[in-house]
Amino acid sequence: MTLAPRQLVVLGDSGVHGWGDREGGGWCQRLRLQWMGLPKTPVVYGLGVRGDGLERVAARWRSEWSCRGELRRHVPDGVLLSVGLNDTARVGRVDGRPQLSLEGFGFGMARLLEEMRQSCSALVLGLTPVDEQVMPFANCLWYSNRDIERYEAALGEVCHDADVPFLPLHQAMRSDPAWLSWIEPDGIHLNADGHAWIHRQVREWTALLAWAQLDTTADVSVR
């Protein structure tokens, strides 16, 4: 009897969708292709939706596998959550209200992780930086790295309290001198180089490798 492979559902926004990466389809797609080249690795389902914030992901996470082939009526083995950047954006002006308050973000994330952990393993990625010089995005949304730092810090605290693996990204990315060149002209989406950087962090993440029961990773060309 052949056992079905484990499933990893990756939920989030345009970053998970891979928007901006015209070479490899995004960090999630790069991970999926890499794992396909290794024996006995989990199947990766990238379910990112452009513009999604925490509330939209929380509203759809349970239904994502109820009508999807091998996931139907079967809870996935793991969920990798990558969401929150859109929640930080201030509406209408540089000092406007955020799309989701910091307090609401922390509370909502804590509830979502509590729900997820009752069904499957959960892992969480941090937030990527933006190019503030080209704000506002879409002529109405102001993203700032100061706000993103605060939201990522809250995200880390929630994950720590919930004992959920968390991989911070914001400061690590900004510490590289080339980070601004990894962002699309719109100021918020990553280009192929940015997604490649995220993929490198994720594929070497000890917590994810342990969940996937992988001791090492292999270099698989993604072009």
C-alpha atoms as a PDB file:
ATOM      1  CA  MET A   1       0.000   0.000   0.000  1.00  0.00           C
ATOM      2  CA  THR A   2       1.431   3.381  -1.054  1.00  0.00           C
ATOM      3  CA  LEU A   3       1.070   6.084   1.522  1.00  0.00           C
ATOM      4  CA  ALA A   4      -0.089   9.484   0.283  1.00  0.00           C
ATOM      5  CA  PRO A   5       2.593  12.181   0.553  1.00  0.00           C
ATOM      6  CA  ARG A   6       2.320  14.768   3.283  1.00  0.00           C
ATOM      7  CA  GLN A   7       0.779  18.091   2.284  1.00  0.00           C
ATOM      8  CA  LEU A   8       1.955  21.593   3.063  1.00  0.00           C
ATOM      9  CA  VAL A   9      -0.578  24.337   2.378  1.00  0.00           C
ATOM     10  CA  VAL A  10       1.019  27.777   2.040  1.00  0.00           C
ATOM     11  CA  LEU A  11      -1.485  30.553   2.737  1.00  0.00           C
ATOM     12  CA  GLY A  12      -1.008  34.263   2.241  1.00  0.00           C
ATOM     13  CA  ASP A  13      -1.018  37.183  -0.144  1.00  0.00           C
ATOM     14  CA  SER A  14       0.726  38.143  -3.393  1.00  0.00           C
ATOM     15  CA  GLY A  15       4.076  37.084  -1.955  1.00  0.00           C
ATOM     16  CA  VAL A  16       2.873  33.483  -1.768  1.00  0.00           C
ATOM     17  CA  HIS A  17       1.268  33.876  -5.197  1.00  0.00           C
ATOM     18  CA  GLY A  18       4.693  34.851  -6.522  1.00  0.00           C
ATOM     19  CA  TRP A  19       3.792  38.223  -7.979  1.00  0.00           C
ATOM     20  CA  GLY A  20       6.860  39.974  -9.390  1.00  0.00           C
ATOM     21  CA  ASP A  21       8.952  36.858  -9.996  1.00  0.00           C
ATOM     22  CA  ARG A  22       8.924  36.386 -13.771  1.00  0.00           C
ATOM     23  CA  GLU A  23      11.721  33.811 -13.633  1.00  0.00           C
ATOM     24  CA  GLY A  24      10.806  31.295 -10.940  1.00  0.00           C
ATOM     25  CA  GLY A  25       7.166  32.050 -10.151  1.00  0.00           C
ATOM     26  CA  GLY A  26       7.848  33.135  -6.579  1.00  0.00           C
ATOM     27  CA  TRP A  27       9.531  31.686  -3.514  1.00  0.00           C
ATOM     28  CA  CYS A  28       6.695  29.241  -2.883  1.00  0.00           C
ATOM     29  CA  GLN A  29       6.837  27.889  -6.445  1.00  0.00           C
ATOM     30  CA  ARG A  30      10.620  27.625  -6.167  1.00  0.00           C
ATOM     31  CA  LEU A  31      10.219  25.572  -2.989  1.00  0.00           C
ATOM     32  CA  ARG A  32       7.598  23.360  -4.633  1.00  0.00           C
ATOM     33  CA  LEU A  33       9.857  22.632  -7.601  1.00  0.00           C
ATOM     34  CA  GLN A  34      12.856  22.046  -5.359  1.00  0.00           C
ATOM     35  CA  TRP A  35      10.999  19.537  -3.205  1.00  0.00           C
ATOM     36  CA  MET A  36       9.672  17.767  -6.300  1.00  0.00           C
ATOM     37  CA  GLY A  37      13.285  16.918  -7.087  1.00  0.00           C
ATOM     38  CA  LEU A  38      13.805  15.215  -3.736  1.00  0.00           C
ATOM     39  CA  PRO A  39      12.494  11.812  -2.635  1.00  0.00           C
ATOM     40  CA  LYS A  40       9.615  11.527  -0.174  1.00  0.00           C
ATOM     41  CA  THR A  41       9.041  15.241   0.254  1.00  0.00           C
ATOM     42  CA  PRO A  42       5.695  16.871   1.074  1.00  0.00           C
ATOM     43  CA  VAL A  43       3.451  18.215  -1.689  1.00  0.00           C
ATOM     44  CA  VAL A  44       3.335  22.014  -1.607  1.00  0.00           C
ATOM     45  CA  TYR A  45       0.086  23.852  -2.344  1.00  0.00           C
ATOM     46  CA  GLY A  46       0.684  27.589  -2.798  1.00  0.00           C
ATOM     47  CA  LEU A  47      -2.614  29.362  -2.102  1.00  0.00           C
ATOM     48  CA  GLY A  48      -1.764  33.038  -2.128  1.00  0.00           C
ATOM     49  CA  VAL A  49      -4.289  35.719  -3.098  1.00  0.00           C
ATOM     50  CA  ARG A  50      -3.219  39.224  -4.025  1.00  0.00           C
ATOM     51  CA  GLY A  51      -4.327  41.863  -1.558  1.00  0.00           C
ATOM     52  CA  ASP A  52      -5.227  39.436   1.217  1.00  0.00           C
ATOM     53  CA  GLY A  53      -4.682  40.418   4.803  1.00  0.00           C
ATOM     54  CA  LEU A  54      -5.068  38.451   7.998  1.00  0.00           C
ATOM     55  CA  GLU A  55      -8.863  38.667   8.139  1.00  0.00           C
ATOM     56  CA  ARG A  56      -9.338  37.310   4.625  1.00  0.00           C
ATOM     57  CA  VAL A  57      -6.897  34.472   5.166  1.00  0.00           C
ATOM     58  CA  ALA A  58      -8.584  33.618   8.459  1.00  0.00           C
ATOM     59  CA  ALA A  59     -11.941  33.528   6.695  1.00  0.00           C
ATOM     60  CA  ARG A  60     -10.796  31.109   3.982  1.00  0.00           C
ATOM     61  CA  TRP A  61      -8.162  28.871   5.549  1.00  0.00           C
ATOM     62  CA  ARG A  62     -10.512  26.043   6.548  1.00  0.00           C
ATOM     63  CA  SER A  63     -12.283  25.905   3.199  1.00  0.00           C
ATOM     64  CA  GLU A  64      -9.119  25.808   1.103  1.00  0.00           C
ATOM     65  CA  TRP A  65      -8.853  22.014   1.096  1.00  0.00           C
ATOM     66  CA  SER A  66     -12.550  21.016   1.278  1.00  0.00           C
ATOM     67  CA  CYS A  67     -12.923  20.869  -2.519  1.00  0.00           C
ATOM     68  CA  ARG A  68      -9.380  20.161  -3.686  1.00  0.00           C
ATOM     69  CA  GLY A  69      -8.805  16.597  -4.846  1.00  0.00           C
ATOM     70  CA  GLU A  70      -6.552  14.729  -2.433  1.00  0.00           C
ATOM     71  CA  LEU A  71      -7.122  17.393   0.210  1.00  0.00           C
ATOM     72  CA  ARG A  72     -10.898  16.930   0.141  1.00  0.00           C
ATOM     73  CA  ARG A  73     -12.210  15.931   3.563  1.00  0.00           C
ATOM     74  CA  HIS A  74      -8.611  15.678   4.730  1.00  0.00           C
ATOM     75  CA  VAL A  75      -6.856  18.212   6.903  1.00  0.00           C
ATOM     76  CA  PRO A  76      -3.382  19.035   5.528  1.00  0.00           C
ATOM     77  CA  ASP A  77      -0.412  17.951   7.582  1.00  0.00           C
ATOM     78  CA  GLY A  78       0.965  21.470   7.807  1.00  0.00           C
ATOM     79  CA  VAL A  79       0.142  25.106   7.087  1.00  0.00           C
ATOM     80  CA  LEU A  80       2.795  27.710   6.340  1.00  0.00           C
ATOM     81  CA  LEU A  81       1.350  31.170   6.907  1.00  0.00           C
ATOM     82  CA  SER A  82       2.766  34.248   5.183  1.00  0.00           C
ATOM     83  CA  VAL A  83       0.479  37.232   5.698  1.00  0.00           C
ATOM     84  CA  GLY A  84       0.419  40.644   7.351  1.00  0.00           C
ATOM     85  CA  LEU A  85       2.143  43.105   5.037  1.00  0.00           C
ATOM     86  CA  ASN A  86      -1.142  44.388   3.630  1.00  0.00           C
ATOM     87  CA  ASP A  87      -2.496  44.871   7.153  1.00  0.00           C
ATOM     88  CA  THR A  88       0.255  47.414   7.910  1.00  0.00           C
ATOM     89  CA  ALA A  89      -0.675  49.818   5.093  1.00  0.00           C
ATOM     90  CA  ARG A  90      -2.127  53.173   6.131  1.00  0.00           C
ATOM     91  CA  VAL A  91      -5.163  54.291   4.168  1.00  0.00           C
ATOM     92  CA  GLY A  92      -5.581  57.638   2.464  1.00  0.00           C
ATOM     93  CA  ARG A  93      -2.555  59.438   3.878  1.00  0.00           C
ATOM     94  CA  VAL A  94       0.841  58.772   5.391  1.00  0.00           C
ATOM     95  CA  ASP A  95      -0.531  59.046   8.951  1.00  0.00           C
ATOM     96  CA  GLY A  96      -3.881  57.434   8.188  1.00  0.00           C
ATOM     97  CA  ARG A  97      -5.366  54.428   9.970  1.00  0.00           C
ATOM     98  CA  PRO A  98      -3.818  51.048   9.153  1.00  0.00           C
ATOM     99  CA  GLN A  99      -5.943  48.515   7.313  1.00  0.00           C
ATOM    100  CA  LEU A 100      -5.848  46.433  10.501  1.00  0.00           C
ATOM    101  CA  SER A 101      -4.706  47.892  13.806  1.00  0.00           C
ATOM    102  CA  LEU A 102      -1.645  46.457  15.492  1.00  0.00           C
ATOM    103  CA  GLU A 103      -3.780  45.266  18.405  1.00  0.00           C
ATOM    104  CA  GLY A 104      -6.317  43.683  16.062  1.00  0.00           C
ATOM    105  CA  PHE A 105      -3.535  42.015  14.105  1.00  0.00           C
ATOM    106  CA  GLY A 106      -1.999  40.456  17.203  1.00  0.00           C
ATOM    107  CA  PHE A 107      -5.361  39.302  18.548  1.00  0.00           C
ATOM    108  CA  GLY A 108      -6.498  37.900  15.205  1.00  0.00           C
ATOM    109  CA  MET A 109      -3.229  36.082  14.597  1.00  0.00           C
ATOM    110  CA  ALA A 110      -3.345  34.493  18.041  1.00  0.00           C
ATOM    111  CA  ARG A 111      -6.867  33.202  17.404  1.00  0.00           C
ATOM    112  CA  LEU A 112      -5.981  31.920  13.934  1.00  0.00           C
ATOM    113  CA  LEU A 113      -2.933  30.028  15.157  1.00  0.00           C
ATOM    114  CA  GLU A 114      -4.948  28.527  17.998  1.00  0.00           C
ATOM    115  CA  GLU A 115      -7.507  27.246  15.473  1.00  0.00           C
ATOM    116  CA  MET A 116      -4.854  25.917  13.117  1.00  0.00           C
ATOM    117  CA  ARG A 117      -2.949  24.058  15.804  1.00  0.00           C
ATOM    118  CA  GLN A 118      -6.070  22.097  16.715  1.00  0.00           C
ATOM    119  CA  SER A 119      -5.971  20.529  13.242  1.00  0.00           C
ATOM    120  CA  CYS A 120      -2.410  20.549  11.943  1.00  0.00           C
ATOM    121  CA  SER A 121       1.127  21.853  12.348  1.00  0.00           C
ATOM    122  CA  ALA A 122       1.584  25.590  11.739  1.00  0.00           C
ATOM    123  CA  LEU A 123       4.615  27.645  10.744  1.00  0.00           C
ATOM    124  CA  VAL A 124       4.804  31.398  10.136  1.00  0.00           C
ATOM    125  CA  LEU A 125       6.976  33.684   7.993  1.00  0.00           C
ATOM    126  CA  GLY A 126       7.799  37.270   8.821  1.00  0.00           C
ATOM    127  CA  LEU A 127       7.255  40.389   6.709  1.00  0.00           C
ATOM    128  CA  THR A 128       9.336  41.849   3.901  1.00  0.00           C
ATOM    129  CA  PRO A 129      10.435  45.505   3.674  1.00  0.00           C
ATOM    130  CA  VAL A 130       9.175  48.130   1.238  1.00  0.00           C
ATOM    131  CA  ASP A 131      10.628  51.036  -0.718  1.00  0.00           C
ATOM    132  CA  GLU A 132       9.078  54.001   1.067  1.00  0.00           C
ATOM    133  CA  GLN A 133      10.297  56.478  -1.561  1.00  0.00           C
ATOM    134  CA  VAL A 134       7.654  55.366  -4.073  1.00  0.00           C
ATOM    135  CA  MET A 135       4.668  55.457  -1.735  1.00  0.00           C
ATOM    136  CA  PRO A 136       1.722  55.634  -1.896  1.00  0.00           C
ATOM    137  CA  PHE A 137       0.919  52.294  -3.464  1.00  0.00           C
ATOM    138  CA  ALA A 138      -2.094  52.416  -5.804  1.00  0.00           C
ATOM    139  CA  ASN A 139      -2.336  56.144  -4.977  1.00  0.00           C
ATOM    140  CA  CYS A 140      -3.941  55.444  -1.602  1.00  0.00           C
ATOM    141  CA  LEU A 141      -1.887  53.093   0.586  1.00  0.00           C
ATOM    142  CA  TRP A 142       1.201  54.132   2.542  1.00  0.00           C
ATOM    143  CA  TYR A 143       3.488  51.312   3.642  1.00  0.00           C
ATOM    144  CA  SER A 144       6.377  52.065   6.012  1.00  0.00           C
ATOM    145  CA  ASN A 145       9.214  49.937   7.312  1.00  0.00           C
ATOM    146  CA  ARG A 146       8.674  51.279  10.822  1.00  0.00           C
ATOM    147  CA  ASP A 147       5.124  49.914  10.855  1.00  0.00           C
ATOM    148  CA  ILE A 148       6.225  46.654   9.248  1.00  0.00           C
ATOM    149  CA  GLU A 149       8.834  46.198  11.997  1.00  0.00           C
ATOM    150  CA  ARG A 150       6.157  46.686  14.655  1.00  0.00           C
ATOM    151  CA  TYR A 151       3.771  44.201  13.057  1.00  0.00           C
ATOM    152  CA  GLU A 152       6.503  41.628  12.560  1.00  0.00           C
ATOM    153  CA  ALA A 153       7.526  42.017  16.192  1.00  0.00           C
ATOM    154  CA  ALA A 154       3.925  41.412  17.255  1.00  0.00           C
ATOM    155  CA  LEU A 155       3.827  38.402  14.954  1.00  0.00           C
ATOM    156  CA  GLY A 156       6.949  36.999  16.582  1.00  0.00           C
ATOM    157  CA  GLU A 157       5.514  37.470  20.067  1.00  0.00           C
ATOM    158  CA  VAL A 158       2.292  35.674  19.134  1.00  0.00           C
ATOM    159  CA  CYS A 159       4.219  32.779  17.634  1.00  0.00           C
ATOM    160  CA  HIS A 160       6.454  32.567  20.696  1.00  0.00           C
ATOM    161  CA  ASP A 161       3.446  32.446  23.027  1.00  0.00           C
ATOM    162  CA  ALA A 162       1.748  29.825  20.835  1.00  0.00           C
ATOM    163  CA  ASP A 163       4.953  27.772  20.451  1.00  0.00           C
ATOM    164  CA  VAL A 164       4.725  28.080  16.656  1.00  0.00           C
ATOM    165  CA  PRO A 165       7.928  28.200  14.549  1.00  0.00           C
ATOM    166  CA  PHE A 166       8.543  31.714  13.231  1.00  0.00           C
ATOM    167  CA  LEU A 167      11.046  32.919  10.641  1.00  0.00           C
ATOM    168  CA  PRO A 168      11.615  36.713  10.791  1.00  0.00           C
ATOM    169  CA  LEU A 169      12.541  38.321   7.475  1.00  0.00           C
ATOM    170  CA  HIS A 170      12.364  42.107   7.690  1.00  0.00           C
ATOM    171  CA  GLN A 171      15.638  43.001   9.373  1.00  0.00           C
ATOM    172  CA  ALA A 172      17.556  40.175   7.719  1.00  0.00           C
ATOM    173  CA  MET A 173      16.549  41.378   4.262  1.00  0.00           C
ATOM    174  CA  ARG A 174      17.268  45.025   5.009  1.00  0.00           C
ATOM    175  CA  SER A 175      20.722  44.145   6.314  1.00  0.00           C
ATOM    176  CA  ASP A 176      21.766  43.181   2.789  1.00  0.00           C
ATOM    177  CA  PRO A 177      23.126  46.225   0.880  1.00  0.00           C
ATOM    178  CA  ALA A 178      21.275  45.111  -2.262  1.00  0.00           C
ATOM    179  CA  TRP A 179      17.798  44.802  -0.716  1.00  0.00           C
ATOM    180  CA  LEU A 180      16.244  47.791  -2.490  1.00  0.00           C
ATOM    181  CA  SER A 181      17.154  46.244  -5.848  1.00  0.00           C
ATOM    182  CA  TRP A 182      15.014  43.220  -4.942  1.00  0.00           C
ATOM    183  CA  ILE A 183      11.789  45.253  -4.908  1.00  0.00           C
ATOM    184  CA  GLU A 184       9.539  45.948  -7.875  1.00  0.00           C
ATOM    185  CA  PRO A 185       8.982  49.575  -8.996  1.00  0.00           C
ATOM    186  CA  ASP A 186       5.647  49.589  -7.128  1.00  0.00           C
ATOM    187  CA  GLY A 187       7.602  49.551  -3.874  1.00  0.00           C
ATOM    188  CA  ILE A 188       6.060  46.501  -2.161  1.00  0.00           C
ATOM    189  CA  HIS A 189       6.331  43.398  -4.361  1.00  0.00           C
ATOM    190  CA  LEU A 190       9.566  41.455  -4.660  1.00  0.00           C
ATOM    191  CA  ASN A 191      11.177  40.754  -8.022  1.00  0.00           C
ATOM    192  CA  ALA A 192      12.884  37.488  -8.975  1.00  0.00           C
ATOM    193  CA  ASP A 193      15.965  38.296  -6.886  1.00  0.00           C
ATOM    194  CA  GLY A 194      13.810  39.062  -3.856  1.00  0.00           C
ATOM    195  CA  HIS A 195      11.846  35.838  -4.188  1.00  0.00           C
ATOM    196  CA  ALA A 196      15.118  33.930  -4.621  1.00  0.00           C
ATOM    197  CA  TRP A 197      16.336  35.427  -1.341  1.00  0.00           C
ATOM    198  CA  ILE A 198      13.136  34.348   0.457  1.00  0.00           C
ATOM    199  CA  HIS A 199      13.475  30.866  -1.042  1.00  0.00           C
ATOM    200  CA  ARG A 200      17.008  30.566   0.314  1.00  0.00           C
ATOM    201  CA  GLN A 201      15.816  31.436   3.808  1.00  0.00           C
ATOM    202  CA  VAL A 202      12.865  29.052   3.671  1.00  0.00           C
ATOM    203  CA  ARG A 203      14.708  26.075   2.198  1.00  0.00           C
ATOM    204  CA  GLU A 204      17.304  26.291   4.998  1.00  0.00           C
ATOM    205  CA  TRP A 205      14.784  26.913   7.805  1.00  0.00           C
ATOM    206  CA  THR A 206      15.476  24.281  10.442  1.00  0.00           C
ATOM    207  CA  ALA A 207      11.885  24.182  11.693  1.00  0.00           C
ATOM    208  CA  LEU A 208      10.476  23.596   8.206  1.00  0.00           C
ATOM    209  CA  LEU A 209      13.079  20.946   7.389  1.00  0.00           C
ATOM    210  CA  ALA A 210      12.288  19.155  10.645  1.00  0.00           C
ATOM    211  CA  TRP A 211       8.554  19.230   9.895  1.00  0.00           C
ATOM    212  CA  ALA A 212       9.192  17.927   6.363  1.00  0.00           C
ATOM    213  CA  GLN A 213      11.529  15.260   7.775  1.00  0.00           C
ATOM    214  CA  LEU A 214      14.375  16.496   5.589  1.00  0.00           C
ATOM    215  CA  ASP A 215      17.928  16.499   6.880  1.00  0.00           C
ATOM    216  CA  THR A 216      19.415  18.307   3.879  1.00  0.00           C
ATOM    217  CA  THR A 217      18.241  20.200   0.807  1.00  0.00           C
ATOM    218  CA  ALA A 218      19.294  19.793  -2.780  1.00  0.00           C
ATOM    219  CA  ASP A 219      19.885  22.522  -5.305  1.00  0.00           C
ATOM    220  CA  VAL A 220      17.251  22.233  -8.002  1.00  0.00           C
ATOM    221  CA  SER A 221      17.422  24.729 -10.850  1.00  0.00           C
ATOM    222  CA  VAL A 222      14.314  26.918 -11.066  1.00  0.00           C
ATOM    223  CA  ARG A 223      14.256  29.123 -14.143  1.00  0.00           C
END
